[in-house]
Amino acid sequence: MDRFVQLEAFVAAASLGSFSEAARAEGVSPTLIGRRIDALEARLGVRLFIRSTRRLSLTMEGQTFLEEVPSLLEAFRETEMRISQSSATPSGLLRLTAPAGFGRRHVAPLLPGLRARHPGLSFSLDLSDHFVDLVSQRVDCAIRIGELSDSSLVGTRLADNQRVVVASPHYLGRAGTPQSPHDLKHHECLSLAAHSGQNRGWLFRIDGQTQAVRIQGSMACSDGSVLHAWCLEGFGLAWRSLWEVRQDIQDKRLVTVLDTFRAPPSGIFALMPERRLTPPKVRVLIDWLKYHYQRPDYWLA
């Protein structure tokens, strides 16, 4: 601890340019600041400051030291706080948002079990396929599917998400089966509304590269469950997550097409506003979701 307070005294004096100002900031006497700096210089075997009656300036070694020490102190404080928080009891209101279909199936059913483990927690779950601004809406955590584009958020990958192109046997019998992604221009493609974030197109692996293919169709909706229902009714092709249509495929209500062009899985992420430390209530949520999502049998249920 002596070394830690010596480093703090050094950074305060170097930043404020005065032992007396550093003493005021640290809440101690200027004499004590001077002693800490003396002890630090003696331990290092170098002079860190050039002292005069009018000003305090750094030596070359002091300048080099100043470039490294603040980050070390910050890392120490973060580690100290993280260890302290690891024993904290998660409590309070946890505001989270998730895509409507995914949230109904794979977020909402897991929350009661989490609350049973942590009775001090309460939840406010917003299910929407619209992107919510986490900062302005004061949301603690957002579950989102697909690759991340907002660099102001901190993301934790919870699981992989595989998308497939599906259609009902009735639709394929009427319109034919596409043999390549380029054939989609001749088909009715059921798409999410433009503001949903899927306006780049459907992703495929073509010639060894992942490419977005623009699709066209006369029916679009902001609710993925509606697209799923339209697809089951034979109104067109849909690009849906495997967790949503797996049972329909097994029961032969839907058929996958263009499987040889299937793009690699994207991700299912938990996103948080950028901050240095994750609050305990958010950390236990992420751990709980990962525990379930990464079980080998979870997505087969």
Protein backbone atom coordinates (compact mmCIF):
# COMPACT_ATOMS: atom_id res chain seq x y z
CA MET A 1 0.00 0.00 0.00
CA ASP A 2 2.93 2.38 0.61
CA ARG A 3 3.89 1.98 -3.03
CA PHE A 4 0.33 2.68 -4.13
CA VAL A 5 0.04 5.95 -2.17
CA GLN A 6 3.48 6.99 -3.42
CA LEU A 7 2.31 6.54 -7.00
CA GLU A 8 -0.88 8.46 -6.31
CA ALA A 9 1.14 11.30 -4.78
CA PHE A 10 3.41 11.37 -7.83
CA VAL A 11 0.53 11.52 -10.32
CA ALA A 12 -1.26 14.22 -8.30
CA ALA A 13 1.88 16.38 -8.02
CA ALA A 14 2.81 15.90 -11.68
CA SER A 15 -0.72 16.65 -12.90
CA LEU A 16 -1.30 19.68 -10.67
CA GLY A 17 2.26 21.01 -10.81
CA SER A 18 2.52 21.60 -7.08
CA PHE A 19 3.00 19.63 -3.88
CA SER A 20 0.56 21.92 -2.08
CA GLU A 21 -2.15 21.44 -4.74
CA ALA A 22 -1.55 17.68 -4.68
CA ALA A 23 -1.83 17.74 -0.88
CA ARG A 24 -5.14 19.61 -1.10
CA ALA A 25 -6.48 17.08 -3.62
CA GLU A 26 -5.34 14.11 -1.54
CA GLY A 27 -6.50 15.61 1.75
CA VAL A 28 -3.07 15.45 3.42
CA SER A 29 -0.28 17.90 4.24
CA PRO A 30 2.28 19.12 1.65
CA THR A 31 5.00 17.68 3.89
CA LEU A 32 3.49 14.21 3.62
CA ILE A 33 3.28 14.49 -0.17
CA GLY A 34 6.95 15.48 -0.22
CA ARG A 35 7.89 12.49 1.90
CA ARG A 36 6.01 10.11 -0.38
CA ILE A 37 7.74 11.54 -3.44
CA ASP A 38 11.14 11.31 -1.71
CA ALA A 39 10.50 7.67 -0.81
CA LEU A 40 9.42 6.89 -4.39
CA GLU A 41 12.53 8.52 -5.86
CA ALA A 42 14.75 6.69 -3.37
CA ARG A 43 13.15 3.37 -4.27
CA LEU A 44 13.51 3.99 -8.00
CA GLY A 45 16.99 5.49 -7.72
CA VAL A 46 16.13 8.44 -10.00
CA ARG A 47 14.94 12.02 -9.67
CA LEU A 48 11.36 12.46 -10.92
CA PHE A 49 10.98 16.21 -10.29
CA ILE A 50 13.08 19.32 -10.67
CA ARG A 51 12.09 21.44 -7.66
CA SER A 52 12.49 25.17 -7.30
CA THR A 53 10.85 27.79 -5.15
CA ARG A 54 8.70 28.94 -8.05
CA ARG A 55 7.83 25.81 -10.02
CA LEU A 56 7.79 22.04 -10.12
CA SER A 57 8.71 20.26 -13.35
CA LEU A 58 9.29 16.69 -14.39
CA THR A 59 12.65 15.22 -15.30
CA MET A 60 12.89 13.09 -18.41
CA GLU A 61 12.55 9.97 -16.22
CA GLY A 62 9.59 11.57 -14.48
CA GLN A 63 7.87 12.26 -17.79
CA THR A 64 8.36 8.64 -18.87
CA PHE A 65 7.04 7.46 -15.53
CA LEU A 66 3.96 9.69 -15.83
CA GLU A 67 3.10 8.12 -19.18
CA GLU A 68 2.79 4.69 -17.56
CA VAL A 69 1.63 5.13 -13.98
CA PRO A 70 -1.95 6.49 -14.42
CA SER A 71 -3.03 3.46 -16.47
CA LEU A 72 -1.50 1.14 -13.87
CA LEU A 73 -3.38 2.89 -11.08
CA GLU A 74 -6.63 2.74 -13.05
CA ALA A 75 -6.16 -0.99 -13.69
CA PHE A 76 -5.57 -1.53 -9.99
CA ARG A 77 -8.72 0.39 -9.05
CA GLU A 78 -10.82 -1.49 -11.62
CA THR A 79 -9.53 -4.84 -10.37
CA GLU A 80 -10.21 -3.81 -6.78
CA MET A 81 -13.76 -2.76 -7.65
CA ARG A 82 -14.39 -5.90 -9.72
CA ILE A 83 -13.34 -8.13 -6.84
CA SER A 84 -15.47 -6.08 -4.47
CA GLN A 85 -18.50 -6.30 -6.77
CA SER A 86 -18.09 -10.07 -7.26
CA SER A 87 -19.45 -10.58 -3.76
CA ALA A 88 -22.17 -7.95 -4.09
CA THR A 89 -25.76 -9.20 -4.09
CA PRO A 90 -27.46 -8.32 -7.42
CA SER A 91 -30.54 -6.22 -6.74
CA GLY A 92 -32.72 -3.51 -8.19
CA LEU A 93 -34.66 -3.04 -11.41
CA LEU A 94 -33.05 -4.52 -14.52
CA ARG A 95 -34.33 -2.92 -17.72
CA LEU A 96 -33.73 -5.05 -20.80
CA THR A 97 -34.96 -5.26 -24.36
CA ALA A 98 -34.99 -8.10 -26.89
CA PRO A 99 -36.38 -8.87 -30.35
CA ALA A 100 -40.04 -9.81 -29.98
CA GLY A 101 -39.95 -13.39 -31.24
CA PHE A 102 -36.64 -14.30 -29.66
CA GLY A 103 -37.54 -12.58 -26.41
CA ARG A 104 -40.81 -14.47 -26.07
CA ARG A 105 -39.12 -17.83 -26.57
CA HIS A 106 -35.63 -17.45 -25.17
CA VAL A 107 -35.50 -14.52 -22.74
CA ALA A 108 -38.85 -14.22 -20.95
CA PRO A 109 -39.06 -17.93 -19.95
CA LEU A 110 -35.62 -17.76 -18.29
CA LEU A 111 -36.21 -14.67 -16.15
CA PRO A 112 -38.32 -16.31 -13.40
CA GLY A 113 -35.53 -18.79 -12.72
CA LEU A 114 -33.00 -15.97 -12.44
CA ARG A 115 -35.23 -14.08 -10.02
CA ALA A 116 -35.64 -17.23 -7.91
CA ARG A 117 -31.86 -17.24 -7.49
CA HIS A 118 -31.69 -13.48 -6.83
CA PRO A 119 -34.93 -12.35 -5.12
CA GLY A 120 -33.65 -8.78 -4.93
CA LEU A 121 -33.89 -8.43 -8.71
CA SER A 122 -36.90 -7.14 -10.62
CA PHE A 123 -37.29 -6.96 -14.40
CA SER A 124 -38.76 -4.70 -17.04
CA LEU A 125 -38.62 -6.52 -20.40
CA ASP A 126 -39.37 -4.65 -23.62
CA LEU A 127 -40.02 -6.93 -26.60
CA SER A 128 -39.61 -5.09 -29.88
CA ASP A 129 -37.98 -5.61 -33.26
CA HIS A 130 -37.13 -1.89 -33.31
CA PHE A 131 -33.66 -0.86 -32.15
CA VAL A 132 -33.86 0.91 -28.80
CA ASP A 133 -31.38 3.61 -27.80
CA LEU A 134 -29.96 2.19 -24.58
CA VAL A 135 -28.68 5.48 -23.19
CA SER A 136 -31.69 7.71 -23.80
CA GLN A 137 -34.15 4.96 -22.80
CA ARG A 138 -32.08 4.03 -19.72
CA VAL A 139 -31.88 0.37 -20.74
CA ASP A 140 -29.38 -1.77 -18.86
CA CYS A 141 -29.03 -4.54 -21.45
CA ALA A 142 -30.24 -5.26 -24.99
CA ILE A 143 -30.34 -8.69 -26.60
CA ARG A 144 -29.66 -8.34 -30.32
CA ILE A 145 -29.15 -10.76 -33.17
CA GLY A 146 -26.65 -10.19 -35.97
CA GLU A 147 -23.28 -8.53 -36.27
CA LEU A 148 -22.65 -5.43 -34.17
CA SER A 149 -22.33 -2.01 -35.76
CA ASP A 150 -22.69 0.43 -32.84
CA SER A 151 -19.19 0.95 -31.43
CA SER A 152 -20.54 2.93 -28.47
CA LEU A 153 -21.95 -0.26 -26.94
CA VAL A 154 -20.20 -3.11 -25.17
CA GLY A 155 -21.17 -6.54 -26.48
CA THR A 156 -20.96 -10.05 -25.05
CA ARG A 157 -21.59 -12.95 -27.42
CA LEU A 158 -24.12 -15.32 -25.89
CA ALA A 159 -24.50 -17.88 -28.71
CA ASP A 160 -24.32 -18.40 -32.46
CA ASN A 161 -27.32 -17.70 -34.67
CA GLN A 162 -27.77 -19.58 -37.94
CA ARG A 163 -30.15 -18.19 -40.54
CA VAL A 164 -31.73 -20.27 -43.30
CA VAL A 165 -33.96 -19.56 -46.29
CA VAL A 166 -37.24 -21.43 -45.96
CA ALA A 167 -40.49 -21.81 -47.86
CA SER A 168 -43.59 -23.97 -47.60
CA PRO A 169 -43.90 -26.99 -49.94
CA HIS A 170 -46.99 -25.30 -51.38
CA TYR A 171 -45.03 -22.19 -52.39
CA LEU A 172 -42.16 -24.20 -53.90
CA GLY A 173 -44.62 -26.35 -55.83
CA ARG A 174 -46.16 -23.22 -57.30
CA ALA A 175 -43.10 -21.01 -57.84
CA GLY A 176 -40.24 -23.52 -58.14
CA THR A 177 -37.10 -23.92 -56.05
CA PRO A 178 -34.30 -21.32 -56.38
CA GLN A 179 -30.95 -22.89 -57.29
CA SER A 180 -28.74 -19.90 -56.45
CA PRO A 181 -29.13 -16.65 -54.52
CA HIS A 182 -29.38 -14.79 -57.82
CA ASP A 183 -32.64 -16.64 -58.54
CA LEU A 184 -34.27 -14.77 -55.67
CA LYS A 185 -35.06 -11.87 -58.01
CA HIS A 186 -37.67 -14.14 -59.58
CA HIS A 187 -39.31 -15.00 -56.24
CA GLU A 188 -41.59 -13.41 -53.70
CA CYS A 189 -39.32 -12.70 -50.71
CA LEU A 190 -40.88 -11.86 -47.37
CA SER A 191 -38.74 -9.19 -45.77
CA LEU A 192 -38.43 -7.18 -42.60
CA ALA A 193 -39.41 -3.53 -42.91
CA ALA A 194 -36.61 -1.16 -43.92
CA HIS A 195 -36.14 0.35 -40.45
CA SER A 196 -35.45 -3.09 -38.94
CA GLY A 197 -31.76 -3.06 -39.85
CA GLN A 198 -31.95 -5.92 -42.38
CA ASN A 199 -32.09 -3.62 -45.39
CA ARG A 200 -28.64 -4.73 -46.61
CA GLY A 201 -30.23 -7.89 -47.97
CA TRP A 202 -29.94 -11.60 -47.16
CA LEU A 203 -26.45 -12.95 -46.54
CA PHE A 204 -25.00 -15.88 -48.48
CA ARG A 205 -21.63 -17.54 -49.00
CA ILE A 206 -20.83 -17.02 -52.68
CA ASP A 207 -17.45 -17.85 -54.23
CA GLY A 208 -15.91 -18.19 -50.77
CA GLN A 209 -17.11 -14.79 -49.55
CA THR A 210 -20.10 -13.67 -47.52
CA GLN A 211 -22.21 -11.39 -49.67
CA ALA A 212 -25.49 -9.54 -49.20
CA VAL A 213 -28.05 -10.22 -51.89
CA ARG A 214 -30.82 -7.71 -52.39
CA ILE A 215 -34.27 -9.26 -52.36
CA GLN A 216 -37.63 -8.04 -53.57
CA GLY A 217 -41.19 -8.79 -52.68
CA SER A 218 -44.58 -7.23 -52.15
CA MET A 219 -44.94 -8.14 -48.45
CA ALA A 220 -42.82 -6.73 -45.65
CA CYS A 221 -43.38 -6.43 -41.92
CA SER A 222 -41.48 -5.16 -38.87
CA ASP A 223 -42.58 -8.23 -36.84
CA GLY A 224 -40.60 -11.39 -37.60
CA SER A 225 -43.38 -13.65 -36.30
CA VAL A 226 -45.69 -12.28 -38.99
CA LEU A 227 -43.13 -13.15 -41.69
CA HIS A 228 -42.92 -16.63 -40.22
CA ALA A 229 -46.70 -17.01 -40.40
CA TRP A 230 -46.83 -15.70 -43.98
CA CYS A 231 -44.13 -18.17 -44.97
CA LEU A 232 -46.08 -21.06 -43.43
CA GLU A 233 -49.14 -19.95 -45.40
CA GLY A 234 -47.20 -20.15 -48.65
CA PHE A 235 -46.88 -16.47 -49.52
CA GLY A 236 -43.14 -16.56 -50.24
CA LEU A 237 -39.57 -17.30 -49.14
CA ALA A 238 -38.27 -16.07 -45.79
CA TRP A 239 -34.80 -15.76 -44.25
CA ARG A 240 -35.32 -16.84 -40.68
CA SER A 241 -33.25 -17.95 -37.70
CA LEU A 242 -32.98 -21.69 -37.22
CA TRP A 243 -34.25 -21.46 -33.61
CA GLU A 244 -37.51 -20.09 -35.01
CA VAL A 245 -38.18 -22.58 -37.82
CA ARG A 246 -36.40 -25.76 -36.67
CA GLN A 247 -39.61 -27.51 -35.59
CA ASP A 248 -41.40 -26.50 -38.81
CA ILE A 249 -38.56 -28.01 -40.83
CA GLN A 250 -38.65 -31.24 -38.80
CA ASP A 251 -42.43 -31.45 -39.26
CA LYS A 252 -42.05 -30.67 -42.99
CA ARG A 253 -44.22 -27.57 -42.83
CA LEU A 254 -41.22 -25.66 -44.18
CA VAL A 255 -38.32 -26.66 -46.43
CA THR A 256 -34.85 -25.10 -46.48
CA VAL A 257 -33.43 -23.96 -49.82
CA LEU A 258 -30.04 -22.63 -50.95
CA ASP A 259 -28.32 -24.62 -48.17
CA THR A 260 -25.03 -24.83 -50.09
CA PHE A 261 -24.90 -21.01 -50.05
CA ARG A 262 -25.70 -20.69 -46.34
CA ALA A 263 -23.71 -17.90 -44.69
CA PRO A 264 -21.70 -18.61 -41.51
CA PRO A 265 -23.56 -18.07 -38.23
CA SER A 266 -23.81 -14.55 -36.87
CA GLY A 267 -24.18 -13.90 -33.14
CA ILE A 268 -26.69 -13.43 -30.38
CA PHE A 269 -25.34 -10.63 -28.22
CA ALA A 270 -26.00 -8.91 -24.93
CA LEU A 271 -25.26 -5.21 -25.37
CA MET A 272 -24.68 -2.63 -22.66
CA PRO A 273 -23.98 1.10 -22.65
CA GLU A 274 -20.21 1.61 -22.62
CA ARG A 275 -18.91 1.57 -19.06
CA ARG A 276 -15.80 0.24 -17.39
CA LEU A 277 -17.53 -2.16 -15.02
CA THR A 278 -20.61 -4.30 -15.56
CA PRO A 279 -23.20 -3.87 -12.78
CA PRO A 280 -23.84 -7.10 -10.80
CA LYS A 281 -27.48 -7.27 -11.95
CA VAL A 282 -26.40 -7.24 -15.61
CA ARG A 283 -23.53 -9.64 -15.03
CA VAL A 284 -25.78 -12.31 -13.47
CA LEU A 285 -28.26 -11.93 -16.37
CA ILE A 286 -25.52 -12.49 -18.95
CA ASP A 287 -24.11 -15.46 -17.04
CA TRP A 288 -27.60 -16.97 -16.72
CA LEU A 289 -28.40 -16.62 -20.43
CA LYS A 290 -24.99 -18.00 -21.47
CA TYR A 291 -25.42 -20.95 -19.11
CA HIS A 292 -28.66 -21.94 -20.86
CA TYR A 293 -27.80 -21.00 -24.44
CA GLN A 294 -24.51 -22.89 -24.40
CA ARG A 295 -26.01 -26.15 -23.15
CA PRO A 296 -25.76 -28.64 -26.07
CA ASP A 297 -29.45 -29.61 -25.82
CA TYR A 298 -30.93 -26.15 -25.30
CA TRP A 299 -31.69 -25.23 -28.91
CA LEU A 300 -33.03 -28.72 -29.67
CA ALA A 301 -35.81 -28.45 -27.10
